[in-house]
Amino acid sequence: MKIAILGTRGVPNHYGGFEHIAGYLAKGLLEKGHELTVYNSSQHPYKEKEWNGVEIVHCFDPEYLIGIPGQFIYDLNCILDSRKKNYDIILMLGYTSSSIWGFLYPGKTVVITNMDGLEWQRTKYSKKARAFLKFAEKLAIRSSSFHIADSPVIKEYLDAKYRINSKYIAYGASLLPETDENLLVEYDLKRQEYFLLMARMEPENNIEMILDGFCLSESKTKFVVIGNTVNRHGKYLVGKYKNDSRIIFLGAIFNERKVQTLTACCKLYFHGHSVGGSNPSLLNAMAAKAPIAIHNNAFNHFLVRENAAQFSDLKDVCHIVNSGLDFNQSHVENNYSTIKNSFNWEQIVAEYEQYFAACYRSSNIFYPVKHKEGFSYK
């Protein structure tokens, strides 16, 4: 199949979750014999026309000039270009700034949208923005041929609200690689002597609540935060905790080996995400065999079940930090087994490939298949 991935800032990953999955999917599907194209923002630092055998299309992205409206223009540019390419499948990752252009999707191409988390629940948005996101969600349902949910919780919501049959396919994670503790020297850290949190600097990720709980504790252990702090909430957090020498903001890190080492060597990984599906940073912590404390919600419970400490407020966080909880090693091994058996990239890529093929067949589009005797049509 000739497959294009739209809706991200591009590959290799320099931003977040959808860019992460786009890279693994593109490489994995390419290895299975498909033609892959990923659309990249013109502001992406990678400027080549090919990445690991994947074709890269660079489209103009004016977000740096005009802010959020630029995201809509970038998605429009990607969609208009895709109309020229005769793709069999377009995978649209997310819908926030793309679904309003759904009437422009190529008519002979199967468009499959990964519906992301429940975007309209994110507290960073104003009431008007959240109302728009609900509308955009509805447009994405109507304009896409098929729909993917990365969490059973989201699938249940989508299927009930819109009377569809979305496909549940999770994110993936790389199994624990060989870690290099020498990498910790760069950050003046030592194994098991720091707590860790990795997230986008957004209110619904409960970073402030976790750090407030930590500040209430008597712990002398360092608390490391990984994530880009250039946005408003990130700057606010850096300013609020600047006088607590225990709290260290490392900024965004996209070197996978460094991230896995930092995660595998932490004393405890805090995951505060409260909105979304199968979150990549939590999956990575499970794959890295890190002890984990999760915000108490259905999305996180689905992944770790009983194999993590739980918190709902800053007092819970303070208790976890002060108590020095002796985590059962079986919890760590259970989480790793979950990744190995259900969330490894090889399996996730295979599930995407199978779903793409099923969607293509059911769309009643006929395509030529070459044989020794000539061509047949499927």
Protein backbone atom coordinates (compact mmCIF):
# COMPACT_ATOMS: atom_id res chain seq x y z
CA MET A 1 0.00 0.00 0.00
CA LYS A 2 0.98 3.60 -0.54
CA ILE A 3 0.58 5.22 2.88
CA ALA A 4 0.94 8.82 4.07
CA ILE A 5 1.06 10.03 7.68
CA LEU A 6 -0.27 13.54 8.33
CA GLY A 7 -1.14 15.55 11.43
CA THR A 8 2.28 15.76 13.10
CA ARG A 9 5.14 18.21 13.08
CA GLY A 10 7.17 15.44 11.49
CA VAL A 11 9.96 12.94 12.00
CA PRO A 12 12.37 12.31 13.57
CA ASN A 13 10.59 13.18 16.81
CA HIS A 14 11.35 16.63 18.16
CA TYR A 15 8.02 17.27 19.85
CA GLY A 16 5.81 14.59 21.38
CA GLY A 17 3.62 11.51 21.26
CA PHE A 18 2.23 11.59 17.72
CA GLU A 19 5.66 12.35 16.29
CA HIS A 20 6.96 9.40 18.30
CA ILE A 21 4.42 6.96 16.88
CA ALA A 22 4.76 8.39 13.36
CA GLY A 23 8.44 7.47 13.33
CA TYR A 24 7.95 3.91 14.53
CA LEU A 25 4.96 3.30 12.25
CA ALA A 26 6.68 4.69 9.19
CA LYS A 27 9.81 2.58 9.67
CA GLY A 28 7.85 -0.52 10.65
CA LEU A 29 5.43 -0.38 7.72
CA LEU A 30 8.28 0.38 5.31
CA GLU A 31 10.04 -2.79 6.47
CA LYS A 32 6.85 -4.71 5.65
CA GLY A 33 7.05 -3.59 2.03
CA HIS A 34 4.76 -0.57 1.93
CA GLU A 35 5.55 2.88 0.52
CA LEU A 36 5.63 5.47 3.31
CA THR A 37 5.45 9.24 3.30
CA VAL A 38 5.47 11.49 6.37
CA TYR A 39 4.53 15.17 6.15
CA ASN A 40 6.89 17.49 8.04
CA SER A 41 6.49 21.09 9.12
CA SER A 42 8.77 23.54 7.34
CA GLN A 43 9.97 24.49 10.83
CA HIS A 44 11.15 20.95 11.62
CA PRO A 45 14.96 20.85 12.05
CA TYR A 46 15.25 17.82 9.74
CA LYS A 47 15.41 19.18 6.19
CA GLU A 48 16.16 16.11 4.07
CA LYS A 49 13.68 14.58 1.60
CA GLU A 50 14.14 11.07 2.99
CA TRP A 51 14.49 9.59 6.48
CA ASN A 52 15.44 5.93 6.93
CA GLY A 53 13.88 5.18 3.55
CA VAL A 54 10.68 7.12 4.34
CA GLU A 55 9.79 9.95 1.95
CA ILE A 56 9.51 13.32 3.69
CA VAL A 57 7.27 16.08 2.32
CA HIS A 58 7.99 19.50 3.81
CA CYS A 59 4.96 21.83 3.95
CA PHE A 60 4.90 25.49 4.87
CA ASP A 61 4.00 26.03 8.52
CA PRO A 62 3.45 29.67 9.58
CA GLU A 63 2.82 28.90 13.26
CA TYR A 64 6.05 30.70 14.19
CA LEU A 65 4.67 33.83 12.50
CA ILE A 66 0.99 33.88 13.50
CA GLY A 67 0.67 31.39 16.37
CA ILE A 68 -2.10 28.76 16.60
CA PRO A 69 -3.86 29.75 13.32
CA GLY A 70 -0.65 28.66 11.62
CA GLN A 71 -1.37 25.05 12.63
CA PHE A 72 -4.58 25.14 10.59
CA ILE A 73 -2.74 26.52 7.56
CA TYR A 74 -0.03 23.87 7.90
CA ASP A 75 -2.61 21.07 7.97
CA LEU A 76 -4.37 22.62 4.96
CA ASN A 77 -1.08 22.68 3.03
CA CYS A 78 -0.46 19.01 3.87
CA ILE A 79 -3.96 17.96 2.78
CA LEU A 80 -3.76 19.93 -0.48
CA ASP A 81 -0.44 18.28 -1.31
CA SER A 82 -1.81 14.82 -0.49
CA ARG A 83 -4.54 15.32 -3.12
CA LYS A 84 -1.83 15.18 -5.79
CA LYS A 85 -0.25 11.90 -4.67
CA ASN A 86 -2.81 9.10 -5.12
CA TYR A 87 -2.23 7.50 -1.71
CA ASP A 88 -4.09 4.32 -0.80
CA ILE A 89 -4.21 5.24 2.91
CA ILE A 90 -3.88 8.52 4.76
CA LEU A 91 -3.38 8.20 8.50
CA MET A 92 -4.38 11.47 10.14
CA LEU A 93 -2.90 11.69 13.63
CA GLY A 94 -5.25 13.90 15.63
CA TYR A 95 -7.96 16.26 14.43
CA THR A 96 -7.59 19.57 16.31
CA SER A 97 -6.50 21.68 13.34
CA SER A 98 -7.19 19.30 10.43
CA SER A 99 -10.83 18.21 10.63
CA ILE A 100 -12.21 21.55 9.38
CA TRP A 101 -10.52 20.69 6.08
CA GLY A 102 -12.15 17.25 5.92
CA PHE A 103 -14.16 18.22 2.82
CA LEU A 104 -10.82 18.48 1.02
CA TYR A 105 -9.59 14.95 1.82
CA PRO A 106 -8.75 13.04 -1.39
CA GLY A 107 -11.91 11.31 -2.59
CA LYS A 108 -10.26 8.06 -3.70
CA THR A 109 -8.09 7.65 -0.62
CA VAL A 110 -9.06 5.86 2.60
CA VAL A 111 -8.67 8.39 5.42
CA ILE A 112 -8.18 6.91 8.89
CA THR A 113 -8.02 9.28 11.88
CA ASN A 114 -6.39 8.47 15.19
CA MET A 115 -8.75 10.39 17.44
CA ASP A 116 -6.16 11.18 20.13
CA GLY A 117 -7.37 11.95 23.66
CA LEU A 118 -10.51 13.81 24.65
CA GLU A 119 -9.05 17.16 23.61
CA TRP A 120 -12.03 19.20 24.74
CA GLN A 121 -11.39 18.09 28.34
CA ARG A 122 -7.99 19.79 28.47
CA THR A 123 -8.10 22.63 30.97
CA LYS A 124 -5.47 24.66 29.11
CA TYR A 125 -8.18 25.65 26.61
CA SER A 126 -10.78 28.38 27.10
CA LYS A 127 -14.49 27.57 27.06
CA LYS A 128 -14.75 28.76 23.45
CA ALA A 129 -11.75 26.66 22.42
CA ARG A 130 -13.18 23.59 24.14
CA ALA A 131 -16.50 24.11 22.37
CA PHE A 132 -14.63 24.28 19.07
CA LEU A 133 -12.75 21.08 19.90
CA LYS A 134 -16.02 19.24 20.47
CA PHE A 135 -17.15 20.48 17.07
CA ALA A 136 -13.82 19.45 15.50
CA GLU A 137 -14.18 15.99 17.03
CA LYS A 138 -17.58 15.62 15.34
CA LEU A 139 -16.13 16.81 12.02
CA ALA A 140 -13.31 14.26 12.29
CA ILE A 141 -15.84 11.48 12.80
CA ARG A 142 -17.88 12.58 9.79
CA SER A 143 -15.01 13.25 7.39
CA SER A 144 -12.87 10.18 8.10
CA SER A 145 -13.47 6.78 6.56
CA PHE A 146 -12.40 4.94 9.72
CA HIS A 147 -11.32 5.81 13.27
CA ILE A 148 -8.65 4.62 15.71
CA ALA A 149 -8.78 5.02 19.50
CA ASP A 150 -5.57 4.52 21.47
CA SER A 151 -7.41 3.60 24.67
CA PRO A 152 -10.43 1.36 25.39
CA VAL A 153 -11.83 4.26 27.43
CA ILE A 154 -11.74 6.52 24.36
CA LYS A 155 -13.14 3.77 22.11
CA GLU A 156 -16.07 3.28 24.47
CA TYR A 157 -16.76 7.03 24.46
CA LEU A 158 -16.51 7.41 20.66
CA ASP A 159 -18.60 4.34 19.88
CA ALA A 160 -21.38 5.34 22.29
CA LYS A 161 -21.49 9.02 21.34
CA TYR A 162 -21.22 8.70 17.57
CA ARG A 163 -22.56 5.17 17.03
CA ILE A 164 -19.44 4.01 15.24
CA ASN A 165 -17.15 1.02 15.64
CA SER A 166 -13.71 2.56 16.16
CA LYS A 167 -10.63 0.36 16.30
CA TYR A 168 -8.59 0.20 19.49
CA ILE A 169 -4.84 0.25 18.77
CA ALA A 170 -2.51 1.40 21.54
CA TYR A 171 0.78 3.23 21.42
CA GLY A 172 3.91 1.14 21.58
CA ALA A 173 7.11 1.23 23.59
CA SER A 174 10.65 0.01 23.06
CA LEU A 175 11.70 -2.76 25.41
CA LEU A 176 14.38 -1.92 27.95
CA PRO A 177 17.69 -1.32 26.15
CA GLU A 178 21.11 -1.53 27.76
CA THR A 179 21.36 1.59 29.89
CA ASP A 180 24.49 3.69 30.23
CA GLU A 181 24.76 5.19 33.70
CA ASN A 182 27.59 7.38 32.45
CA LEU A 183 24.89 9.45 30.80
CA LEU A 184 23.68 10.47 34.27
CA VAL A 185 26.92 12.35 34.87
CA GLU A 186 25.83 14.99 32.36
CA TYR A 187 22.93 15.84 34.67
CA ASP A 188 24.78 15.35 37.97
CA LEU A 189 22.51 12.45 38.89
CA LYS A 190 23.05 8.99 40.38
CA ARG A 191 20.99 5.82 40.12
CA GLN A 192 18.04 5.64 42.54
CA GLU A 193 18.78 9.12 43.91
CA TYR A 194 16.11 11.16 42.09
CA PHE A 195 12.40 11.15 41.35
CA LEU A 196 11.35 11.67 37.74
CA LEU A 197 8.46 13.17 35.81
CA MET A 198 8.25 13.53 32.02
CA ALA A 199 5.40 15.42 30.38
CA ARG A 200 4.32 18.38 28.33
CA MET A 201 3.95 21.42 30.53
CA GLU A 202 0.14 21.44 30.61
CA PRO A 203 -2.25 21.84 33.60
CA GLU A 204 -4.05 18.53 33.00
CA ASN A 205 -0.77 16.66 33.50
CA ASN A 206 -0.87 17.69 37.17
CA ILE A 207 2.80 18.67 37.31
CA GLU A 208 2.11 21.50 39.76
CA MET A 209 0.14 19.21 42.07
CA ILE A 210 2.94 16.62 42.07
CA LEU A 211 5.65 19.19 42.73
CA ASP A 212 3.56 20.88 45.44
CA GLY A 213 3.18 17.50 47.14
CA PHE A 214 6.91 16.92 46.85
CA CYS A 215 7.61 20.36 48.35
CA LEU A 216 5.46 19.44 51.37
CA SER A 217 7.61 16.38 51.96
CA GLU A 218 10.76 16.09 54.05
CA SER A 219 12.67 14.41 51.23
CA LYS A 220 16.21 15.43 50.36
CA THR A 221 16.00 13.49 47.09
CA LYS A 222 16.18 15.44 43.84
CA PHE A 223 13.09 15.73 41.64
CA VAL A 224 13.83 15.82 37.91
CA VAL A 225 11.31 17.16 35.38
CA ILE A 226 11.71 16.47 31.65
CA GLY A 227 9.66 18.56 29.24
CA ASN A 228 9.81 21.72 27.16
CA THR A 229 9.24 24.72 29.43
CA VAL A 230 8.95 27.44 26.77
CA ASN A 231 5.14 27.70 26.94
CA ARG A 232 3.21 29.80 29.46
CA HIS A 233 2.58 26.98 31.94
CA GLY A 234 6.17 25.78 31.68
CA LYS A 235 7.55 29.23 32.44
CA TYR A 236 5.13 29.53 35.35
CA LEU A 237 6.32 26.23 36.83
CA VAL A 238 10.01 27.11 36.47
CA GLY A 239 9.38 30.43 38.19
CA LYS A 240 7.32 28.94 41.00
CA TYR A 241 9.94 26.34 42.02
CA LYS A 242 13.11 28.27 41.21
CA ASN A 243 14.03 28.58 44.89
CA ASP A 244 13.77 24.86 45.62
CA SER A 245 17.18 23.45 44.75
CA ARG A 246 15.83 19.89 44.85
CA ILE A 247 13.66 20.46 41.74
CA ILE A 248 15.54 20.32 38.45
CA PHE A 249 13.99 21.19 35.08
CA LEU A 250 16.01 19.54 32.30
CA GLY A 251 13.88 20.80 29.43
CA ALA A 252 12.94 18.61 26.46
CA ILE A 253 15.15 15.57 25.70
CA PHE A 254 14.58 13.63 22.47
CA ASN A 255 17.63 11.37 22.65
CA GLU A 256 15.89 8.04 23.27
CA ARG A 257 18.86 6.41 24.96
CA LYS A 258 19.20 9.29 27.41
CA VAL A 259 15.47 9.25 28.19
CA GLN A 260 15.44 5.49 28.76
CA THR A 261 18.52 5.68 30.98
CA LEU A 262 17.10 8.53 33.05
CA THR A 263 13.83 6.61 33.41
CA ALA A 264 15.38 3.23 34.19
CA CYS A 265 17.65 4.69 36.88
CA CYS A 266 15.11 6.82 38.76
CA LYS A 267 13.93 6.05 42.28
CA LEU A 268 10.27 6.54 41.31
CA TYR A 269 8.53 7.74 38.16
CA PHE A 270 5.51 10.06 38.68
CA HIS A 271 2.86 10.06 35.96
CA GLY A 272 0.27 12.79 36.38
CA HIS A 273 -1.55 12.70 33.05
CA SER A 274 -5.32 12.82 33.54
CA VAL A 275 -6.55 13.20 29.94
CA GLY A 276 -5.66 11.08 26.92
CA GLY A 277 -5.15 7.48 25.99
CA SER A 278 -2.19 5.11 26.15
CA ASN A 279 0.38 7.74 27.03
CA PRO A 280 3.87 7.17 25.57
CA SER A 281 5.80 8.41 28.62
CA LEU A 282 3.98 5.96 30.92
CA LEU A 283 4.53 3.09 28.50
CA ASN A 284 8.22 4.00 28.33
CA ALA A 285 8.48 3.99 32.12
CA MET A 286 6.91 0.53 32.20
CA ALA A 287 9.34 -0.66 29.53
CA ALA A 288 12.28 0.83 31.44
CA LYS A 289 11.33 -1.15 34.57
CA ALA A 290 10.89 1.97 36.67
CA PRO A 291 8.76 1.92 39.85
CA ILE A 292 5.71 4.05 39.06
CA ALA A 293 3.18 6.30 40.81
CA ILE A 294 0.13 7.23 38.72
CA HIS A 295 -2.61 9.81 38.89
CA ASN A 296 -5.79 7.92 39.76
CA ASN A 297 -7.84 7.75 36.55
CA ALA A 298 -9.19 5.16 34.11
CA PHE A 299 -6.60 5.83 31.39
CA ASN A 300 -3.65 5.10 33.68
CA HIS A 301 -5.36 2.20 35.46
CA PHE A 302 -5.88 0.40 32.17
CA LEU A 303 -2.12 0.29 31.57
CA VAL A 304 -0.61 -0.45 35.00
CA ARG A 305 -3.66 -1.90 36.79
CA GLU A 306 -2.56 -2.54 40.41
CA ASN A 307 1.16 -2.34 39.63
CA ALA A 308 1.76 1.24 40.75
CA ALA A 309 1.25 3.60 43.65
CA GLN A 310 -1.71 5.96 43.16
CA PHE A 311 -2.35 9.60 44.01
CA SER A 312 -5.30 11.94 43.64
CA ASP A 313 -4.01 15.08 45.34
CA LEU A 314 -0.84 16.66 46.70
CA LYS A 315 -1.29 15.00 50.11
CA ASP A 316 -1.15 11.61 48.42
CA VAL A 317 2.04 12.64 46.63
CA CYS A 318 3.58 13.87 49.89
CA HIS A 319 2.71 10.56 51.57
CA ILE A 320 4.28 8.55 48.74
CA VAL A 321 7.48 10.60 48.89
CA ASN A 322 7.74 10.58 52.71
CA SER A 323 6.87 6.93 53.20
CA GLY A 324 9.68 5.69 51.00
CA LEU A 325 7.34 3.02 49.70
CA ASP A 326 9.07 -0.29 49.23
CA PHE A 327 7.83 -1.19 45.76
CA ASN A 328 7.25 -4.84 45.08
CA GLN A 329 9.62 -5.98 42.34
CA SER A 330 6.79 -8.05 40.89
CA HIS A 331 4.99 -4.80 40.03
CA VAL A 332 7.95 -3.70 37.92
CA GLU A 333 8.15 -7.09 36.20
CA ASN A 334 4.38 -7.15 35.61
CA ASN A 335 4.53 -3.76 33.90
CA TYR A 336 7.44 -4.89 31.75
CA SER A 337 5.55 -8.05 30.78
CA THR A 338 2.57 -5.90 29.76
CA ILE A 339 4.79 -3.96 27.36
CA LYS A 340 6.47 -7.11 26.07
CA ASN A 341 3.20 -8.93 25.43
CA SER A 342 0.78 -6.16 24.46
CA PHE A 343 2.52 -2.86 23.67
CA ASN A 344 5.72 -3.68 21.81
CA TRP A 345 6.22 -1.81 18.54
CA GLU A 346 6.35 -4.92 16.37
CA GLN A 347 2.85 -5.86 17.51
CA ILE A 348 1.49 -2.30 17.24
CA VAL A 349 2.83 -1.90 13.69
CA ALA A 350 1.30 -5.27 12.74
CA GLU A 351 -2.08 -4.18 14.13
CA TYR A 352 -1.95 -0.96 12.10
CA GLU A 353 -1.02 -2.88 8.95
CA GLN A 354 -3.87 -5.36 9.41
CA TYR A 355 -6.37 -2.59 10.07
CA PHE A 356 -5.19 -0.58 7.06
CA ALA A 357 -5.62 -3.63 4.83
CA ALA A 358 -9.09 -4.37 6.22
CA CYS A 359 -10.16 -0.74 5.77
CA TYR A 360 -8.83 -0.68 2.22
CA ARG A 361 -10.67 -3.88 1.29
CA SER A 362 -13.95 -2.71 2.80
CA SER A 363 -13.75 0.63 1.00
CA ASN A 364 -14.48 -1.14 -2.32
CA ILE A 365 -11.47 0.45 -3.97
CA PHE A 366 -9.92 -1.88 -6.53
CA TYR A 367 -6.16 -1.92 -6.95
CA PRO A 368 -3.87 -3.84 -9.33
CA VAL A 369 -1.72 -6.71 -8.07
CA LYS A 370 1.06 -7.92 -10.36
CA HIS A 371 1.55 -11.66 -10.98
CA LYS A 372 3.70 -13.64 -13.39
CA GLU A 373 0.63 -14.05 -15.59
CA GLY A 374 -0.16 -10.34 -15.57
CA PHE A 375 -2.39 -8.19 -13.34
CA SER A 376 -5.40 -9.08 -11.24
CA TYR A 377 -7.52 -6.73 -9.18
CA LYS A 378 -8.37 -6.97 -5.51
